[in-house]
C-alpha atoms as a PDB file:
ATOM      1  CA  UNK A   1     107.665   7.467 177.336  1.00  0.00           C
ATOM      2  CA  UNK A   2     105.739  10.697 177.858  1.00  0.00           C
ATOM      3  CA  UNK A   3     105.942  13.107 174.937  1.00  0.00           C
ATOM      4  CA  UNK A   4     106.370  16.658 176.196  1.00  0.00           C
ATOM      5  CA  UNK A   5     106.066  18.526 172.955  1.00  0.00           C
ATOM      6  CA  UNK A   6     104.253  17.931 169.696  1.00  0.00           C
ATOM      7  CA  UNK A   7     104.376  20.403 166.863  1.00  0.00           C
ATOM      8  CA  UNK A   8     103.155  20.332 163.308  1.00  0.00           C
ATOM      9  CA  UNK A   9     104.756  22.954 161.127  1.00  0.00           C
ATOM     10  CA  UNK A  10     103.440  23.497 157.635  1.00  0.00           C
ATOM     11  CA  UNK A  11     105.933  24.953 155.199  1.00  0.00           C
ATOM     12  CA  UNK A  12     104.124  26.201 152.104  1.00  0.00           C
ATOM     13  CA  UNK A  13     106.252  25.608 149.008  1.00  0.00           C
ATOM     14  CA  UNK A  14     105.732  27.527 145.773  1.00  0.00           C
ATOM     15  CA  UNK A  15     105.074  25.627 142.571  1.00  0.00           C
ATOM     16  CA  UNK A  16     108.411  26.873 141.213  1.00  0.00           C
ATOM     17  CA  UNK A  17     110.159  25.396 144.218  1.00  0.00           C
ATOM     18  CA  UNK A  18     108.404  22.055 143.784  1.00  0.00           C
ATOM     19  CA  UNK A  19     109.494  21.702 140.165  1.00  0.00           C
ATOM     20  CA  UNK A  20     113.104  20.773 140.872  1.00  0.00           C
ATOM     21  CA  UNK A  21     114.162  17.363 139.638  1.00  0.00           C
ATOM     22  CA  UNK A  22     115.288  15.754 142.905  1.00  0.00           C
ATOM     23  CA  UNK A  23     113.602  12.569 144.055  1.00  0.00           C
ATOM     24  CA  UNK A  24     111.597  13.345 147.171  1.00  0.00           C
ATOM     25  CA  UNK A  25     109.989  10.624 149.232  1.00  0.00           C
ATOM     26  CA  UNK A  26     106.389  11.036 150.211  1.00  0.00           C
ATOM     27  CA  UNK A  27     107.581  10.941 153.817  1.00  0.00           C
ATOM     28  CA  UNK A  28     111.024  11.336 155.360  1.00  0.00           C
ATOM     29  CA  UNK A  29     111.572  10.772 159.048  1.00  0.00           C
ATOM     30  CA  UNK A  30     114.270  10.614 161.670  1.00  0.00           C
ATOM     31  CA  UNK A  31     114.844  10.201 165.378  1.00  0.00           C
ATOM     32  CA  UNK A  32     117.743  11.349 167.526  1.00  0.00           C
ATOM     33  CA  UNK A  33     120.102   8.854 169.136  1.00  0.00           C
ATOM     34  CA  UNK A  34     121.205   8.173 172.684  1.00  0.00           C
ATOM     35  CA  UNK A  35     124.164  10.582 172.490  1.00  0.00           C
ATOM     36  CA  UNK A  36     124.072  14.331 171.933  1.00  0.00           C
ATOM     37  CA  UNK A  37     124.539  15.451 168.325  1.00  0.00           C
ATOM     38  CA  UNK A  38     126.605  18.692 168.458  1.00  0.00           C
ATOM     39  CA  UNK A  39     125.623  21.869 166.585  1.00  0.00           C
ATOM     40  CA  UNK A  40     128.359  23.981 164.988  1.00  0.00           C
ATOM     41  CA  UNK A  41     127.439  27.534 163.958  1.00  0.00           C
ATOM     42  CA  UNK A  42     129.322  29.803 161.563  1.00  0.00           C
ATOM     43  CA  UNK A  43     128.644  33.544 161.683  1.00  0.00           C
ATOM     44  CA  UNK A  44     129.754  34.953 158.349  1.00  0.00           C
ATOM     45  CA  UNK A  45     129.150  37.666 155.755  1.00  0.00           C
ATOM     46  CA  UNK A  46     129.796  38.125 152.054  1.00  0.00           C
ATOM     47  CA  UNK A  47     130.980  41.636 152.925  1.00  0.00           C
ATOM     48  CA  UNK A  48     133.847  40.324 155.066  1.00  0.00           C
ATOM     49  CA  UNK A  49     137.142  39.705 153.240  1.00  0.00           C
ATOM     50  CA  UNK A  50     138.364  37.243 155.888  1.00  0.00           C
ATOM     51  CA  UNK A  51     135.234  35.065 155.640  1.00  0.00           C
ATOM     52  CA  UNK A  52     135.694  33.137 152.342  1.00  0.00           C
ATOM     53  CA  UNK A  53     138.332  30.711 153.749  1.00  0.00           C
ATOM     54  CA  UNK A  54     136.038  29.914 156.696  1.00  0.00           C
ATOM     55  CA  UNK A  55     133.101  29.509 154.300  1.00  0.00           C
ATOM     56  CA  UNK A  56     135.075  27.015 152.209  1.00  0.00           C
ATOM     57  CA  UNK A  57     136.025  25.029 155.301  1.00  0.00           C
ATOM     58  CA  UNK A  58     132.439  25.070 156.557  1.00  0.00           C
ATOM     59  CA  UNK A  59     131.209  23.771 153.193  1.00  0.00           C
ATOM     60  CA  UNK A  60     133.369  20.681 153.689  1.00  0.00           C
ATOM     61  CA  UNK A  61     131.560  19.736 156.894  1.00  0.00           C
ATOM     62  CA  UNK A  62     128.798  17.180 157.048  1.00  0.00           C
ATOM     63  CA  UNK A  63     126.875  15.359 159.718  1.00  0.00           C
ATOM     64  CA  UNK A  64     127.807  12.021 158.159  1.00  0.00           C
ATOM     65  CA  UNK A  65     131.583  12.656 158.083  1.00  0.00           C
ATOM     66  CA  UNK A  66     132.132  14.861 161.121  1.00  0.00           C
ATOM     67  CA  UNK A  67     129.252  14.045 163.475  1.00  0.00           C
ATOM     68  CA  UNK A  68     127.996  17.630 163.749  1.00  0.00           C
ATOM     69  CA  UNK A  69     125.016  19.632 162.520  1.00  0.00           C
ATOM     70  CA  UNK A  70     126.367  22.672 160.593  1.00  0.00           C
ATOM     71  CA  UNK A  71     124.406  25.942 160.547  1.00  0.00           C
ATOM     72  CA  UNK A  72     125.748  28.979 158.640  1.00  0.00           C
ATOM     73  CA  UNK A  73     124.209  32.255 159.840  1.00  0.00           C
ATOM     74  CA  UNK A  74     124.885  35.206 157.530  1.00  0.00           C
ATOM     75  CA  UNK A  75     124.865  38.483 159.487  1.00  0.00           C
ATOM     76  CA  UNK A  76     123.945  41.910 158.183  1.00  0.00           C
ATOM     77  CA  UNK A  77     126.259  44.276 160.073  1.00  0.00           C
ATOM     78  CA  UNK A  78     128.859  44.405 157.263  1.00  0.00           C
ATOM     79  CA  UNK A  79     126.293  45.318 154.595  1.00  0.00           C
ATOM     80  CA  UNK A  80     127.081  49.021 155.008  1.00  0.00           C
ATOM     81  CA  UNK A  81     130.639  48.737 153.654  1.00  0.00           C
ATOM     82  CA  UNK A  82     129.579  48.249 150.051  1.00  0.00           C
ATOM     83  CA  UNK A  83     127.975  44.822 149.492  1.00  0.00           C
ATOM     84  CA  UNK A  84     124.605  43.651 150.768  1.00  0.00           C
ATOM     85  CA  UNK A  85     124.654  39.948 151.610  1.00  0.00           C
ATOM     86  CA  UNK A  86     121.422  38.484 150.240  1.00  0.00           C
ATOM     87  CA  UNK A  87     121.543  35.635 152.748  1.00  0.00           C
ATOM     88  CA  UNK A  88     121.955  37.903 155.799  1.00  0.00           C
ATOM     89  CA  UNK A  89     119.280  38.671 158.382  1.00  0.00           C
ATOM     90  CA  UNK A  90     119.243  41.014 161.334  1.00  0.00           C
ATOM     91  CA  UNK A  91     117.912  38.308 163.648  1.00  0.00           C
ATOM     92  CA  UNK A  92     120.966  36.168 162.875  1.00  0.00           C
ATOM     93  CA  UNK A  93     123.195  39.007 164.053  1.00  0.00           C
ATOM     94  CA  UNK A  94     120.981  39.325 167.136  1.00  0.00           C
ATOM     95  CA  UNK A  95     121.462  35.618 167.867  1.00  0.00           C
ATOM     96  CA  UNK A  96     125.233  36.043 167.602  1.00  0.00           C
ATOM     97  CA  UNK A  97     125.166  38.987 170.020  1.00  0.00           C
ATOM     98  CA  UNK A  98     123.077  36.947 172.464  1.00  0.00           C
ATOM     99  CA  UNK A  99     125.499  34.022 172.289  1.00  0.00           C
ATOM    100  CA  UNK A 100     128.518  36.284 172.879  1.00  0.00           C
ATOM    101  CA  UNK A 101     126.797  38.214 175.688  1.00  0.00           C
ATOM    102  CA  UNK A 102     125.838  34.966 177.413  1.00  0.00           C
ATOM    103  CA  UNK A 103     129.516  34.072 177.558  1.00  0.00           C
ATOM    104  CA  UNK A 104     130.399  37.445 179.083  1.00  0.00           C
ATOM    105  CA  UNK A 105     131.774  38.964 175.873  1.00  0.00           C
ATOM    106  CA  UNK A 106     130.997  42.299 174.274  1.00  0.00           C
ATOM    107  CA  UNK A 107     132.301  42.036 170.711  1.00  0.00           C
ATOM    108  CA  UNK A 108     130.973  40.080 167.754  1.00  0.00           C
ATOM    109  CA  UNK A 109     133.084  39.357 164.711  1.00  0.00           C
ATOM    110  CA  UNK A 110     133.204  37.365 161.494  1.00  0.00           C
ATOM    111  CA  UNK A 111     134.029  34.670 160.809  1.00  0.00           C
ATOM    112  CA  UNK A 112     133.108  33.255 164.190  1.00  0.00           C
ATOM    113  CA  UNK A 113     132.594  29.525 164.758  1.00  0.00           C
ATOM    114  CA  UNK A 114     130.697  28.271 167.790  1.00  0.00           C
ATOM    115  CA  UNK A 115     130.296  24.665 168.903  1.00  0.00           C
ATOM    116  CA  UNK A 116     127.444  24.262 171.371  1.00  0.00           C
ATOM    117  CA  UNK A 117     127.746  27.933 172.362  1.00  0.00           C
ATOM    118  CA  UNK A 118     131.527  27.927 172.823  1.00  0.00           C
ATOM    119  CA  UNK A 119     134.135  29.546 170.575  1.00  0.00           C
ATOM    120  CA  UNK A 120     135.963  27.199 168.256  1.00  0.00           C
ATOM    121  CA  UNK A 121     139.005  29.288 167.427  1.00  0.00           C
ATOM    122  CA  UNK A 122     140.724  26.984 164.939  1.00  0.00           C
ATOM    123  CA  UNK A 123     138.756  26.312 161.749  1.00  0.00           C
ATOM    124  CA  UNK A 124     140.169  22.883 161.000  1.00  0.00           C
ATOM    125  CA  UNK A 125     138.604  19.446 160.857  1.00  0.00           C
ATOM    126  CA  UNK A 126     140.979  18.149 163.529  1.00  0.00           C
ATOM    127  CA  UNK A 127     140.021  20.812 166.076  1.00  0.00           C
ATOM    128  CA  UNK A 128     136.340  20.436 165.284  1.00  0.00           C
ATOM    129  CA  UNK A 129     136.382  16.649 165.556  1.00  0.00           C
ATOM    130  CA  UNK A 130     138.215  16.760 168.886  1.00  0.00           C
ATOM    131  CA  UNK A 131     135.676  19.182 170.354  1.00  0.00           C
ATOM    132  CA  UNK A 132     132.741  17.328 168.790  1.00  0.00           C
ATOM    133  CA  UNK A 133     133.823  13.997 170.249  1.00  0.00           C
ATOM    134  CA  UNK A 134     133.850  15.482 173.732  1.00  0.00           C
ATOM    135  CA  UNK A 135     130.389  16.938 173.209  1.00  0.00           C
ATOM    136  CA  UNK A 136     128.874  13.813 171.661  1.00  0.00           C
ATOM    137  CA  UNK A 137     130.164  11.677 174.532  1.00  0.00           C
ATOM    138  CA  UNK A 138     127.353  13.105 176.652  1.00  0.00           C
ATOM    139  CA  UNK A 139     124.256  10.976 177.150  1.00  0.00           C
ATOM    140  CA  UNK A 140     121.230  12.777 175.720  1.00  0.00           C
ATOM    141  CA  UNK A 141     118.570  14.027 178.111  1.00  0.00           C
ATOM    142  CA  UNK A 142     116.156  14.857 175.271  1.00  0.00           C
ATOM    143  CA  UNK A 143     114.917  12.790 172.355  1.00  0.00           C
ATOM    144  CA  UNK A 144     113.728  14.434 169.131  1.00  0.00           C
ATOM    145  CA  UNK A 145     111.658  12.950 166.339  1.00  0.00           C
ATOM    146  CA  UNK A 146     110.867  14.487 162.948  1.00  0.00           C
ATOM    147  CA  UNK A 147     108.605  13.422 160.130  1.00  0.00           C
ATOM    148  CA  UNK A 148     108.352  15.514 156.954  1.00  0.00           C
ATOM    149  CA  UNK A 149     105.738  14.857 154.311  1.00  0.00           C
ATOM    150  CA  UNK A 150     106.532  16.259 150.873  1.00  0.00           C
ATOM    151  CA  UNK A 151     103.900  16.595 148.174  1.00  0.00           C
ATOM    152  CA  UNK A 152     101.601  18.877 146.229  1.00  0.00           C
ATOM    153  CA  UNK A 153     103.937  21.824 146.646  1.00  0.00           C
ATOM    154  CA  UNK A 154     103.894  21.651 150.444  1.00  0.00           C
ATOM    155  CA  UNK A 155     106.029  20.372 153.255  1.00  0.00           C
ATOM    156  CA  UNK A 156     104.372  19.347 156.500  1.00  0.00           C
ATOM    157  CA  UNK A 157     106.616  18.589 159.453  1.00  0.00           C
ATOM    158  CA  UNK A 158     105.693  16.793 162.671  1.00  0.00           C
ATOM    159  CA  UNK A 159     108.108  17.347 165.538  1.00  0.00           C
ATOM    160  CA  UNK A 160     108.203  15.455 168.823  1.00  0.00           C
ATOM    161  CA  UNK A 161     110.437  16.098 171.833  1.00  0.00           C
ATOM    162  CA  UNK A 162     110.612  14.027 174.991  1.00  0.00           C
ATOM    163  CA  UNK A 163     112.575  14.070 178.205  1.00  0.00           C
ATOM    164  CA  UNK A 164     114.753  10.989 178.679  1.00  0.00           C
ATOM    165  CA  UNK A 165     115.952  11.820 182.194  1.00  0.00           C
ATOM    166  CA  UNK A 166     113.445  13.567 184.412  1.00  0.00           C
ATOM    167  CA  UNK A 167     112.355  17.049 183.399  1.00  0.00           C
ATOM    168  CA  UNK A 168     113.681  19.438 180.777  1.00  0.00           C
ATOM    169  CA  UNK A 169     115.122  22.616 182.409  1.00  0.00           C
ATOM    170  CA  UNK A 170     112.935  25.744 182.081  1.00  0.00           C
ATOM    171  CA  UNK A 171     115.743  27.541 180.236  1.00  0.00           C
ATOM    172  CA  UNK A 172     115.712  24.915 177.464  1.00  0.00           C
ATOM    173  CA  UNK A 173     114.223  26.174 174.206  1.00  0.00           C
ATOM    174  CA  UNK A 174     113.452  24.517 170.922  1.00  0.00           C
ATOM    175  CA  UNK A 175     114.716  25.856 167.577  1.00  0.00           C
ATOM    176  CA  UNK A 176     113.952  24.840 163.996  1.00  0.00           C
ATOM    177  CA  UNK A 177     115.967  25.765 160.933  1.00  0.00           C
ATOM    178  CA  UNK A 178     115.723  25.184 157.200  1.00  0.00           C
ATOM    179  CA  UNK A 179     119.161  25.201 155.559  1.00  0.00           C
ATOM    180  CA  UNK A 180     120.167  25.263 151.904  1.00  0.00           C
ATOM    181  CA  UNK A 181     123.434  24.179 150.294  1.00  0.00           C
ATOM    182  CA  UNK A 182     125.118  24.628 146.910  1.00  0.00           C
ATOM    183  CA  UNK A 183     124.566  28.402 146.851  1.00  0.00           C
ATOM    184  CA  UNK A 184     126.764  31.017 145.193  1.00  0.00           C
ATOM    185  CA  UNK A 185     127.044  34.771 144.690  1.00  0.00           C
ATOM    186  CA  UNK A 186     129.040  36.899 142.265  1.00  0.00           C
ATOM    187  CA  UNK A 187     130.144  39.831 144.412  1.00  0.00           C
ATOM    188  CA  UNK A 188     130.393  43.125 142.525  1.00  0.00           C
ATOM    189  CA  UNK A 189     131.227  45.571 145.330  1.00  0.00           C
ATOM    190  CA  UNK A 190     132.859  45.786 148.746  1.00  0.00           C
ATOM    191  CA  UNK A 191     135.841  43.909 150.145  1.00  0.00           C
ATOM    192  CA  UNK A 192     135.194  40.752 148.081  1.00  0.00           C
ATOM    193  CA  UNK A 193     134.551  42.568 144.780  1.00  0.00           C
ATOM    194  CA  UNK A 194     135.102  40.302 141.796  1.00  0.00           C
ATOM    195  CA  UNK A 195     134.886  37.057 143.742  1.00  0.00           C
ATOM    196  CA  UNK A 196     132.393  34.254 143.295  1.00  0.00           C
ATOM    197  CA  UNK A 197     131.524  33.003 146.770  1.00  0.00           C
ATOM    198  CA  UNK A 198     130.068  29.560 147.404  1.00  0.00           C
ATOM    199  CA  UNK A 199     128.100  28.570 150.492  1.00  0.00           C
ATOM    200  CA  UNK A 200     126.610  25.482 152.106  1.00  0.00           C
ATOM    201  CA  UNK A 201     124.443  24.839 155.181  1.00  0.00           C
ATOM    202  CA  UNK A 202     123.043  28.391 154.912  1.00  0.00           C
ATOM    203  CA  UNK A 203     120.167  29.061 157.307  1.00  0.00           C
ATOM    204  CA  UNK A 204     117.213  30.214 155.196  1.00  0.00           C
ATOM    205  CA  UNK A 205     114.514  30.046 157.852  1.00  0.00           C
ATOM    206  CA  UNK A 206     114.927  30.054 161.620  1.00  0.00           C
ATOM    207  CA  UNK A 207     112.091  29.514 164.063  1.00  0.00           C
ATOM    208  CA  UNK A 208     112.471  29.939 167.804  1.00  0.00           C
ATOM    209  CA  UNK A 209     112.937  30.059 170.632  1.00  0.00           C
ATOM    210  CA  UNK A 210     109.922  27.879 171.314  1.00  0.00           C
ATOM    211  CA  UNK A 211     108.976  26.845 174.812  1.00  0.00           C
ATOM    212  CA  UNK A 212     109.509  23.217 175.798  1.00  0.00           C
ATOM    213  CA  UNK A 213     107.120  21.739 176.784  1.00  0.00           C
ATOM    214  CA  UNK A 214     104.327  23.422 174.853  1.00  0.00           C
ATOM    215  CA  UNK A 215     100.874  22.784 173.496  1.00  0.00           C
ATOM    216  CA  UNK A 216     100.616  21.379 169.975  1.00  0.00           C
ATOM    217  CA  UNK A 217     101.637  24.058 167.509  1.00  0.00           C
ATOM    218  CA  UNK A 218     100.972  24.718 163.834  1.00  0.00           C
ATOM    219  CA  UNK A 219     102.986  27.240 161.887  1.00  0.00           C
ATOM    220  CA  UNK A 220     103.075  28.087 158.178  1.00  0.00           C
ATOM    221  CA  UNK A 221     106.208  29.332 156.432  1.00  0.00           C
ATOM    222  CA  UNK A 222     106.486  30.157 152.731  1.00  0.00           C
ATOM    223  CA  UNK A 223     109.550  28.716 150.996  1.00  0.00           C
ATOM    224  CA  UNK A 224     110.783  31.189 148.375  1.00  0.00           C
ATOM    225  CA  UNK A 225     110.731  30.271 144.671  1.00  0.00           C
ATOM    226  CA  UNK A 226     114.529  30.375 144.334  1.00  0.00           C
ATOM    227  CA  UNK A 227     115.094  27.803 147.093  1.00  0.00           C
ATOM    228  CA  UNK A 228     116.220  24.479 145.614  1.00  0.00           C
ATOM    229  CA  UNK A 229     114.230  21.774 147.353  1.00  0.00           C
ATOM    230  CA  UNK A 230     116.802  19.012 146.820  1.00  0.00           C
ATOM    231  CA  UNK A 231     119.392  21.104 148.693  1.00  0.00           C
ATOM    232  CA  UNK A 232     117.212  21.767 151.752  1.00  0.00           C
ATOM    233  CA  UNK A 233     117.651  20.237 155.194  1.00  0.00           C
ATOM    234  CA  UNK A 234     115.461  20.548 158.266  1.00  0.00           C
ATOM    235  CA  UNK A 235     117.257  20.910 161.611  1.00  0.00           C
ATOM    236  CA  UNK A 236     115.729  20.800 165.079  1.00  0.00           C
ATOM    237  CA  UNK A 237     117.643  21.313 168.294  1.00  0.00           C
ATOM    238  CA  UNK A 238     116.984  21.951 171.960  1.00  0.00           C
ATOM    239  CA  UNK A 239     119.352  24.455 173.566  1.00  0.00           C
ATOM    240  CA  UNK A 240     119.767  25.533 177.164  1.00  0.00           C
ATOM    241  CA  UNK A 241     119.614  29.265 176.552  1.00  0.00           C
ATOM    242  CA  UNK A 242     121.256  30.006 179.907  1.00  0.00           C
ATOM    243  CA  UNK A 243     124.467  28.198 178.970  1.00  0.00           C
ATOM    244  CA  UNK A 244     124.354  27.637 175.211  1.00  0.00           C
ATOM    245  CA  UNK A 245     124.572  23.879 175.738  1.00  0.00           C
ATOM    246  CA  UNK A 246     122.790  21.852 173.070  1.00  0.00           C
ATOM    247  CA  UNK A 247     120.780  19.105 174.736  1.00  0.00           C
ATOM    248  CA  UNK A 248     120.005  17.326 171.473  1.00  0.00           C
ATOM    249  CA  UNK A 249     119.792  17.978 167.739  1.00  0.00           C
ATOM    250  CA  UNK A 250     118.336  16.259 164.692  1.00  0.00           C
ATOM    251  CA  UNK A 251     119.270  16.702 161.028  1.00  0.00           C
ATOM    252  CA  UNK A 252     116.850  15.615 158.280  1.00  0.00           C
ATOM    253  CA  UNK A 253     117.406  16.190 154.521  1.00  0.00           C
ATOM    254  CA  UNK A 254     114.060  16.889 152.903  1.00  0.00           C
ATOM    255  CA  UNK A 255     114.832  15.049 149.678  1.00  0.00           C
ATOM    256  CA  UNK A 256     116.900  11.992 148.881  1.00  0.00           C
ATOM    257  CA  UNK A 257     119.379  11.980 146.005  1.00  0.00           C
END
């Protein structure tokens, strides 16, 4: 098999972040399977009063139970109405606009759930599992491999991507995300004033789009002191940016319970 992409990404972890009590292997590794692993994205905001029910549903999702990779993108365009979402980033809102525009739409909203670039209108496990089964029935055209080495306050990740069936389309791009679960906020202003909101699968770092294939790449990212290492997961996926179709994804918890 000819490897088309090799990347080593160094994530610098603060000493405070490395002090958490979770058991972390010296090396964790994973490889994608023969079928496509679907990616489900939630676009949400702590400033949106209709988002907490969707957040609670999204927290119940897992790759092990539902066969999907969950990514929660907090957007910043509701910050102006009284509460600034500390998990929100402008580039997450830009990704949502790109996804909607690619589908011919003009309006973004929260909460919005997307499965492989398509709207998933009903936030229920039954609707998600039905759509995910159809997506995961596809034979993968890309294989991904990840290896993460944890130690001495650093995380070093090796990523490999290979074509399984001919060539990867030129519109295919590679994305990497670091997610964190078991987060909460006490909201003191805005539409959710007085509520304690809980979140899982929150995207804390997002890298991409990266060209596939590409030359070997090294990239350093600082993990903030308040990030809990034993709640972090590394996600890699290849997406056809012309259609939103996910060609393959891989989900790798950084620490083992």
